[in-house]
Amino acid sequence: MRHKRRGRTAPPFIIYTKIMQIFIFILTFACEVDIIIIQNYICCHIWQLKGTCNMNRHDAREAVFELLFETEFRTDENREEIFAASAENRELPEDRYIRDTYFGVCEHLEEIDALINMHSKGWKTTRLAKVTRSILRLAVYEMLYLRGEIPESVSLNEAVELCKKFDDEKAKAFLNGVLNSIKNEIVGAENG
């Protein structure tokens, strides 16, 4: 059941119905489901119906990564269309961080890739796996353009967490090395 969420609250009977679905879900799987899964389910469904979303930054960052990864396979398509279709298919909340970061990475892709190429000794972004490349681009964008909002160390740690979830152990070590090198350059430039 889909409803427009742009500034409107769903009618009370729809919210009541959704709450009942959640309780049925909880009762059905209470023995088998982790409480965190239930919390996430409630946050992502009830808050969306009320017109707001309680998505944390980690989940929003993962959504941006997924968008960037998807863009790797749809290079000939308009990025606005990719974003709109993906947001609708995944039922992404209207989150400023997701939109701004996705389009920010796309806008500054050449600069981001040049920095990655400079710090990834012997590897060019074109040779990297799409997953690794997408995670690196996201983290480097945050380090360059969201410095006042997100500390470089947080961007690096979150990138490593994404790598643990979506990539392999070798990629994690490579990614950590490249991002540490970039972080040191950025911090050095700020202090120097």
C-alpha atoms as a PDB file:
ATOM      1  CA  MET A   1       0.000   0.000   0.000  1.00  0.00           C
ATOM      2  CA  ARG A   2       1.662   3.237  -1.143  1.00  0.00           C
ATOM      3  CA  HIS A   3       0.716   6.736  -0.118  1.00  0.00           C
ATOM      4  CA  LYS A   4       2.050  10.137  -1.032  1.00  0.00           C
ATOM      5  CA  ARG A   5       4.293  11.333   1.765  1.00  0.00           C
ATOM      6  CA  ARG A   6       5.056  14.867   0.659  1.00  0.00           C
ATOM      7  CA  GLY A   7       4.062  16.940   3.654  1.00  0.00           C
ATOM      8  CA  ARG A   8       0.862  15.017   4.293  1.00  0.00           C
ATOM      9  CA  THR A   9       0.034  12.711   7.140  1.00  0.00           C
ATOM     10  CA  ALA A  10      -1.672   9.456   6.276  1.00  0.00           C
ATOM     11  CA  PRO A  11      -5.305   9.185   7.437  1.00  0.00           C
ATOM     12  CA  PRO A  12      -5.683   7.742  10.966  1.00  0.00           C
ATOM     13  CA  PHE A  13      -7.281   4.496   9.758  1.00  0.00           C
ATOM     14  CA  ILE A  14      -4.231   3.795   7.578  1.00  0.00           C
ATOM     15  CA  ILE A  15      -1.883   4.454  10.484  1.00  0.00           C
ATOM     16  CA  TYR A  16      -4.041   2.218  12.693  1.00  0.00           C
ATOM     17  CA  THR A  17      -3.949  -0.528  10.035  1.00  0.00           C
ATOM     18  CA  LYS A  18      -0.183  -0.246   9.748  1.00  0.00           C
ATOM     19  CA  ILE A  19       0.215  -0.428  13.530  1.00  0.00           C
ATOM     20  CA  MET A  20      -1.887  -3.593  13.547  1.00  0.00           C
ATOM     21  CA  GLN A  21       0.309  -5.074  10.809  1.00  0.00           C
ATOM     22  CA  ILE A  22       3.374  -4.308  12.901  1.00  0.00           C
ATOM     23  CA  PHE A  23       1.919  -6.007  15.973  1.00  0.00           C
ATOM     24  CA  ILE A  24       0.967  -9.055  13.918  1.00  0.00           C
ATOM     25  CA  PHE A  25       4.498  -9.073  12.519  1.00  0.00           C
ATOM     26  CA  ILE A  26       5.955  -8.891  16.037  1.00  0.00           C
ATOM     27  CA  LEU A  27       3.694 -11.638  17.393  1.00  0.00           C
ATOM     28  CA  THR A  28       4.378 -13.890  14.422  1.00  0.00           C
ATOM     29  CA  PHE A  29       8.142 -13.698  14.630  1.00  0.00           C
ATOM     30  CA  ALA A  30       8.745 -12.627  18.243  1.00  0.00           C
ATOM     31  CA  CYS A  31      10.736 -15.748  19.088  1.00  0.00           C
ATOM     32  CA  GLU A  32      12.890 -15.615  15.965  1.00  0.00           C
ATOM     33  CA  VAL A  33      13.433 -11.908  15.336  1.00  0.00           C
ATOM     34  CA  ASP A  34      15.989  -9.661  16.956  1.00  0.00           C
ATOM     35  CA  ILE A  35      14.492  -6.607  18.683  1.00  0.00           C
ATOM     36  CA  ILE A  36      16.632  -4.310  16.494  1.00  0.00           C
ATOM     37  CA  ILE A  37      14.929  -5.659  13.366  1.00  0.00           C
ATOM     38  CA  ILE A  38      11.564  -4.863  14.931  1.00  0.00           C
ATOM     39  CA  GLN A  39      12.735  -1.345  15.852  1.00  0.00           C
ATOM     40  CA  ASN A  40      13.946  -0.725  12.295  1.00  0.00           C
ATOM     41  CA  TYR A  41      10.691  -2.034  10.853  1.00  0.00           C
ATOM     42  CA  ILE A  42       8.651   0.284  13.067  1.00  0.00           C
ATOM     43  CA  CYS A  43      10.862   3.307  12.350  1.00  0.00           C
ATOM     44  CA  CYS A  44      10.845   2.808   8.599  1.00  0.00           C
ATOM     45  CA  HIS A  45       7.108   2.248   8.291  1.00  0.00           C
ATOM     46  CA  ILE A  46       5.332   4.326  10.924  1.00  0.00           C
ATOM     47  CA  TRP A  47       7.556   7.390  10.553  1.00  0.00           C
ATOM     48  CA  GLN A  48       7.134   7.311   6.782  1.00  0.00           C
ATOM     49  CA  LEU A  49       3.356   7.287   7.155  1.00  0.00           C
ATOM     50  CA  LYS A  50       3.527  10.301   9.455  1.00  0.00           C
ATOM     51  CA  GLY A  51       5.543  12.172   6.830  1.00  0.00           C
ATOM     52  CA  THR A  52       8.850  12.087   8.679  1.00  0.00           C
ATOM     53  CA  CYS A  53      11.553   9.493   8.864  1.00  0.00           C
ATOM     54  CA  ASN A  54      13.816   8.513  11.682  1.00  0.00           C
ATOM     55  CA  MET A  55      16.593   7.114   9.491  1.00  0.00           C
ATOM     56  CA  ASN A  56      19.974   7.307  11.171  1.00  0.00           C
ATOM     57  CA  ARG A  57      23.099   8.501   9.373  1.00  0.00           C
ATOM     58  CA  HIS A  58      24.529   4.977   9.034  1.00  0.00           C
ATOM     59  CA  ASP A  59      21.412   3.778   7.193  1.00  0.00           C
ATOM     60  CA  ALA A  60      21.332   6.928   5.070  1.00  0.00           C
ATOM     61  CA  ARG A  61      25.001   6.402   4.170  1.00  0.00           C
ATOM     62  CA  GLU A  62      24.225   2.815   3.169  1.00  0.00           C
ATOM     63  CA  ALA A  63      21.380   4.087   0.969  1.00  0.00           C
ATOM     64  CA  VAL A  64      23.776   6.505  -0.771  1.00  0.00           C
ATOM     65  CA  PHE A  65      26.263   3.670  -1.292  1.00  0.00           C
ATOM     66  CA  GLU A  66      23.533   1.540  -2.883  1.00  0.00           C
ATOM     67  CA  LEU A  67      22.568   4.416  -5.183  1.00  0.00           C
ATOM     68  CA  LEU A  68      26.192   4.949  -6.225  1.00  0.00           C
ATOM     69  CA  PHE A  69      26.644   1.226  -6.803  1.00  0.00           C
ATOM     70  CA  GLU A  70      23.494   1.105  -8.924  1.00  0.00           C
ATOM     71  CA  THR A  71      24.738   4.094 -10.938  1.00  0.00           C
ATOM     72  CA  GLU A  72      27.828   2.033 -11.844  1.00  0.00           C
ATOM     73  CA  PHE A  73      25.570  -0.256 -13.893  1.00  0.00           C
ATOM     74  CA  ARG A  74      23.429   2.499 -15.411  1.00  0.00           C
ATOM     75  CA  THR A  75      26.107   4.903 -16.647  1.00  0.00           C
ATOM     76  CA  ASP A  76      24.173   5.995 -19.725  1.00  0.00           C
ATOM     77  CA  GLU A  77      21.077   7.063 -17.767  1.00  0.00           C
ATOM     78  CA  ASN A  78      20.226  10.420 -16.255  1.00  0.00           C
ATOM     79  CA  ARG A  79      21.218  10.474 -12.584  1.00  0.00           C
ATOM     80  CA  GLU A  80      18.028  12.275 -11.585  1.00  0.00           C
ATOM     81  CA  GLU A  81      16.011   9.411 -13.112  1.00  0.00           C
ATOM     82  CA  ILE A  82      18.194   6.804 -11.405  1.00  0.00           C
ATOM     83  CA  PHE A  83      17.693   8.556  -8.067  1.00  0.00           C
ATOM     84  CA  ALA A  84      13.924   8.905  -8.510  1.00  0.00           C
ATOM     85  CA  ALA A  85      13.436   5.284  -9.599  1.00  0.00           C
ATOM     86  CA  SER A  86      15.684   3.944  -6.857  1.00  0.00           C
ATOM     87  CA  ALA A  87      14.084   6.077  -4.174  1.00  0.00           C
ATOM     88  CA  GLU A  88      10.658   4.846  -5.202  1.00  0.00           C
ATOM     89  CA  ASN A  89      11.637   1.170  -5.521  1.00  0.00           C
ATOM     90  CA  ARG A  90      13.417   1.148  -2.179  1.00  0.00           C
ATOM     91  CA  GLU A  91      10.868   3.458  -0.554  1.00  0.00           C
ATOM     92  CA  LEU A  92      13.669   5.747   0.586  1.00  0.00           C
ATOM     93  CA  PRO A  93      12.578   8.578   2.830  1.00  0.00           C
ATOM     94  CA  GLU A  94      12.995  12.130   1.620  1.00  0.00           C
ATOM     95  CA  ASP A  95      16.303  12.691   3.350  1.00  0.00           C
ATOM     96  CA  ARG A  96      18.453  15.712   2.529  1.00  0.00           C
ATOM     97  CA  TYR A  97      21.690  13.861   3.301  1.00  0.00           C
ATOM     98  CA  ILE A  98      20.861  11.051   0.852  1.00  0.00           C
ATOM     99  CA  ARG A  99      19.940  13.411  -1.986  1.00  0.00           C
ATOM    100  CA  ASP A 100      22.722  15.946  -1.420  1.00  0.00           C
ATOM    101  CA  THR A 101      25.432  13.342  -0.953  1.00  0.00           C
ATOM    102  CA  TYR A 102      24.428  11.240  -3.963  1.00  0.00           C
ATOM    103  CA  PHE A 103      24.297  14.222  -6.304  1.00  0.00           C
ATOM    104  CA  GLY A 104      27.385  15.738  -4.669  1.00  0.00           C
ATOM    105  CA  VAL A 105      29.430  12.618  -5.412  1.00  0.00           C
ATOM    106  CA  CYS A 106      28.133  12.605  -8.994  1.00  0.00           C
ATOM    107  CA  GLU A 107      28.954  16.297  -9.442  1.00  0.00           C
ATOM    108  CA  HIS A 108      32.511  16.015  -8.063  1.00  0.00           C
ATOM    109  CA  LEU A 109      33.319  12.586  -9.508  1.00  0.00           C
ATOM    110  CA  GLU A 110      36.415  13.653 -11.463  1.00  0.00           C
ATOM    111  CA  GLU A 111      38.002  15.378  -8.463  1.00  0.00           C
ATOM    112  CA  ILE A 112      37.143  12.471  -6.150  1.00  0.00           C
ATOM    113  CA  ASP A 113      38.524   9.879  -8.584  1.00  0.00           C
ATOM    114  CA  ALA A 114      41.706  11.914  -9.111  1.00  0.00           C
ATOM    115  CA  LEU A 115      42.304  11.969  -5.344  1.00  0.00           C
ATOM    116  CA  ILE A 116      41.626   8.228  -5.058  1.00  0.00           C
ATOM    117  CA  ASN A 117      43.978   7.526  -7.996  1.00  0.00           C
ATOM    118  CA  MET A 118      46.713   9.617  -6.382  1.00  0.00           C
ATOM    119  CA  HIS A 119      46.513   7.675  -3.097  1.00  0.00           C
ATOM    120  CA  SER A 120      45.838   4.141  -4.374  1.00  0.00           C
ATOM    121  CA  LYS A 121      49.376   3.249  -5.398  1.00  0.00           C
ATOM    122  CA  GLY A 122      49.280   1.304  -8.657  1.00  0.00           C
ATOM    123  CA  TRP A 123      45.489   1.175  -8.886  1.00  0.00           C
ATOM    124  CA  LYS A 124      43.164   3.404 -10.855  1.00  0.00           C
ATOM    125  CA  THR A 125      39.483   3.750 -10.005  1.00  0.00           C
ATOM    126  CA  THR A 126      38.644   2.123 -13.350  1.00  0.00           C
ATOM    127  CA  ARG A 127      40.361  -1.095 -12.171  1.00  0.00           C
ATOM    128  CA  LEU A 128      38.656  -1.226  -8.783  1.00  0.00           C
ATOM    129  CA  ALA A 129      35.616  -3.370  -8.094  1.00  0.00           C
ATOM    130  CA  LYS A 130      32.373  -1.404  -8.345  1.00  0.00           C
ATOM    131  CA  VAL A 131      31.609  -1.974  -4.662  1.00  0.00           C
ATOM    132  CA  THR A 132      35.018  -0.726  -3.527  1.00  0.00           C
ATOM    133  CA  ARG A 133      34.891   2.228  -5.902  1.00  0.00           C
ATOM    134  CA  SER A 134      31.427   3.273  -4.681  1.00  0.00           C
ATOM    135  CA  ILE A 135      32.437   3.091  -1.016  1.00  0.00           C
ATOM    136  CA  LEU A 136      35.648   5.048  -1.653  1.00  0.00           C
ATOM    137  CA  ARG A 137      33.813   7.756  -3.583  1.00  0.00           C
ATOM    138  CA  LEU A 138      31.262   8.191  -0.805  1.00  0.00           C
ATOM    139  CA  ALA A 139      33.898   8.401   1.936  1.00  0.00           C
ATOM    140  CA  VAL A 140      36.124  10.804  -0.012  1.00  0.00           C
ATOM    141  CA  TYR A 141      33.139  13.049  -0.767  1.00  0.00           C
ATOM    142  CA  GLU A 142      32.304  13.194   2.941  1.00  0.00           C
ATOM    143  CA  MET A 143      35.931  13.964   3.826  1.00  0.00           C
ATOM    144  CA  LEU A 144      36.182  16.760   1.254  1.00  0.00           C
ATOM    145  CA  TYR A 145      32.754  18.370   1.307  1.00  0.00           C
ATOM    146  CA  LEU A 146      31.143  17.472   4.640  1.00  0.00           C
ATOM    147  CA  ARG A 147      34.153  18.122   6.895  1.00  0.00           C
ATOM    148  CA  GLY A 148      32.348  20.504   9.217  1.00  0.00           C
ATOM    149  CA  GLU A 149      29.452  18.097   9.584  1.00  0.00           C
ATOM    150  CA  ILE A 150      31.202  14.698   9.645  1.00  0.00           C
ATOM    151  CA  PRO A 151      34.712  14.131  11.057  1.00  0.00           C
ATOM    152  CA  GLU A 152      37.114  12.411   8.638  1.00  0.00           C
ATOM    153  CA  SER A 153      37.620   9.528  11.078  1.00  0.00           C
ATOM    154  CA  VAL A 154      33.868   8.850  11.111  1.00  0.00           C
ATOM    155  CA  SER A 155      33.762   8.774   7.300  1.00  0.00           C
ATOM    156  CA  LEU A 156      36.692   6.359   7.290  1.00  0.00           C
ATOM    157  CA  ASN A 157      35.176   4.062   9.942  1.00  0.00           C
ATOM    158  CA  GLU A 158      31.788   4.031   8.236  1.00  0.00           C
ATOM    159  CA  ALA A 159      33.442   3.177   4.917  1.00  0.00           C
ATOM    160  CA  VAL A 160      35.214   0.239   6.564  1.00  0.00           C
ATOM    161  CA  GLU A 161      31.869  -0.926   8.006  1.00  0.00           C
ATOM    162  CA  LEU A 162      30.265  -0.756   4.553  1.00  0.00           C
ATOM    163  CA  CYS A 163      33.216  -2.689   3.167  1.00  0.00           C
ATOM    164  CA  LYS A 164      32.815  -5.385   5.843  1.00  0.00           C
ATOM    165  CA  LYS A 165      29.179  -5.771   4.862  1.00  0.00           C
ATOM    166  CA  PHE A 166      29.421  -5.564   1.062  1.00  0.00           C
ATOM    167  CA  ASP A 167      33.028  -6.369   0.082  1.00  0.00           C
ATOM    168  CA  ASP A 168      35.817  -8.780   1.022  1.00  0.00           C
ATOM    169  CA  GLU A 169      38.685  -8.647   3.527  1.00  0.00           C
ATOM    170  CA  LYS A 170      41.332  -7.649   0.955  1.00  0.00           C
ATOM    171  CA  ALA A 171      39.213  -4.728  -0.174  1.00  0.00           C
ATOM    172  CA  LYS A 172      38.801  -3.614   3.446  1.00  0.00           C
ATOM    173  CA  ALA A 173      42.570  -3.364   3.958  1.00  0.00           C
ATOM    174  CA  PHE A 174      43.035  -1.545   0.635  1.00  0.00           C
ATOM    175  CA  LEU A 175      40.173   0.851   1.329  1.00  0.00           C
ATOM    176  CA  ASN A 176      41.431   1.566   4.846  1.00  0.00           C
ATOM    177  CA  GLY A 177      44.920   2.361   3.537  1.00  0.00           C
ATOM    178  CA  VAL A 178      43.706   4.661   0.762  1.00  0.00           C
ATOM    179  CA  LEU A 179      41.291   6.532   3.016  1.00  0.00           C
ATOM    180  CA  ASN A 180      43.875   6.930   5.799  1.00  0.00           C
ATOM    181  CA  SER A 181      46.277   8.425   3.276  1.00  0.00           C
ATOM    182  CA  ILE A 182      43.605  10.830   1.997  1.00  0.00           C
ATOM    183  CA  LYS A 183      42.558  11.720   5.548  1.00  0.00           C
ATOM    184  CA  ASN A 184      46.171  12.495   6.499  1.00  0.00           C
ATOM    185  CA  GLU A 185      46.533  14.751   3.450  1.00  0.00           C
ATOM    186  CA  ILE A 186      43.316  16.629   4.258  1.00  0.00           C
ATOM    187  CA  VAL A 187      44.179  17.025   7.949  1.00  0.00           C
ATOM    188  CA  GLY A 188      47.750  18.026   7.030  1.00  0.00           C
ATOM    189  CA  ALA A 189      46.477  20.674   4.614  1.00  0.00           C
ATOM    190  CA  GLU A 190      44.149  22.079   7.299  1.00  0.00           C
ATOM    191  CA  ASN A 191      46.932  22.221   9.898  1.00  0.00           C
ATOM    192  CA  GLY A 192      49.710  23.302   7.526  1.00  0.00           C
END
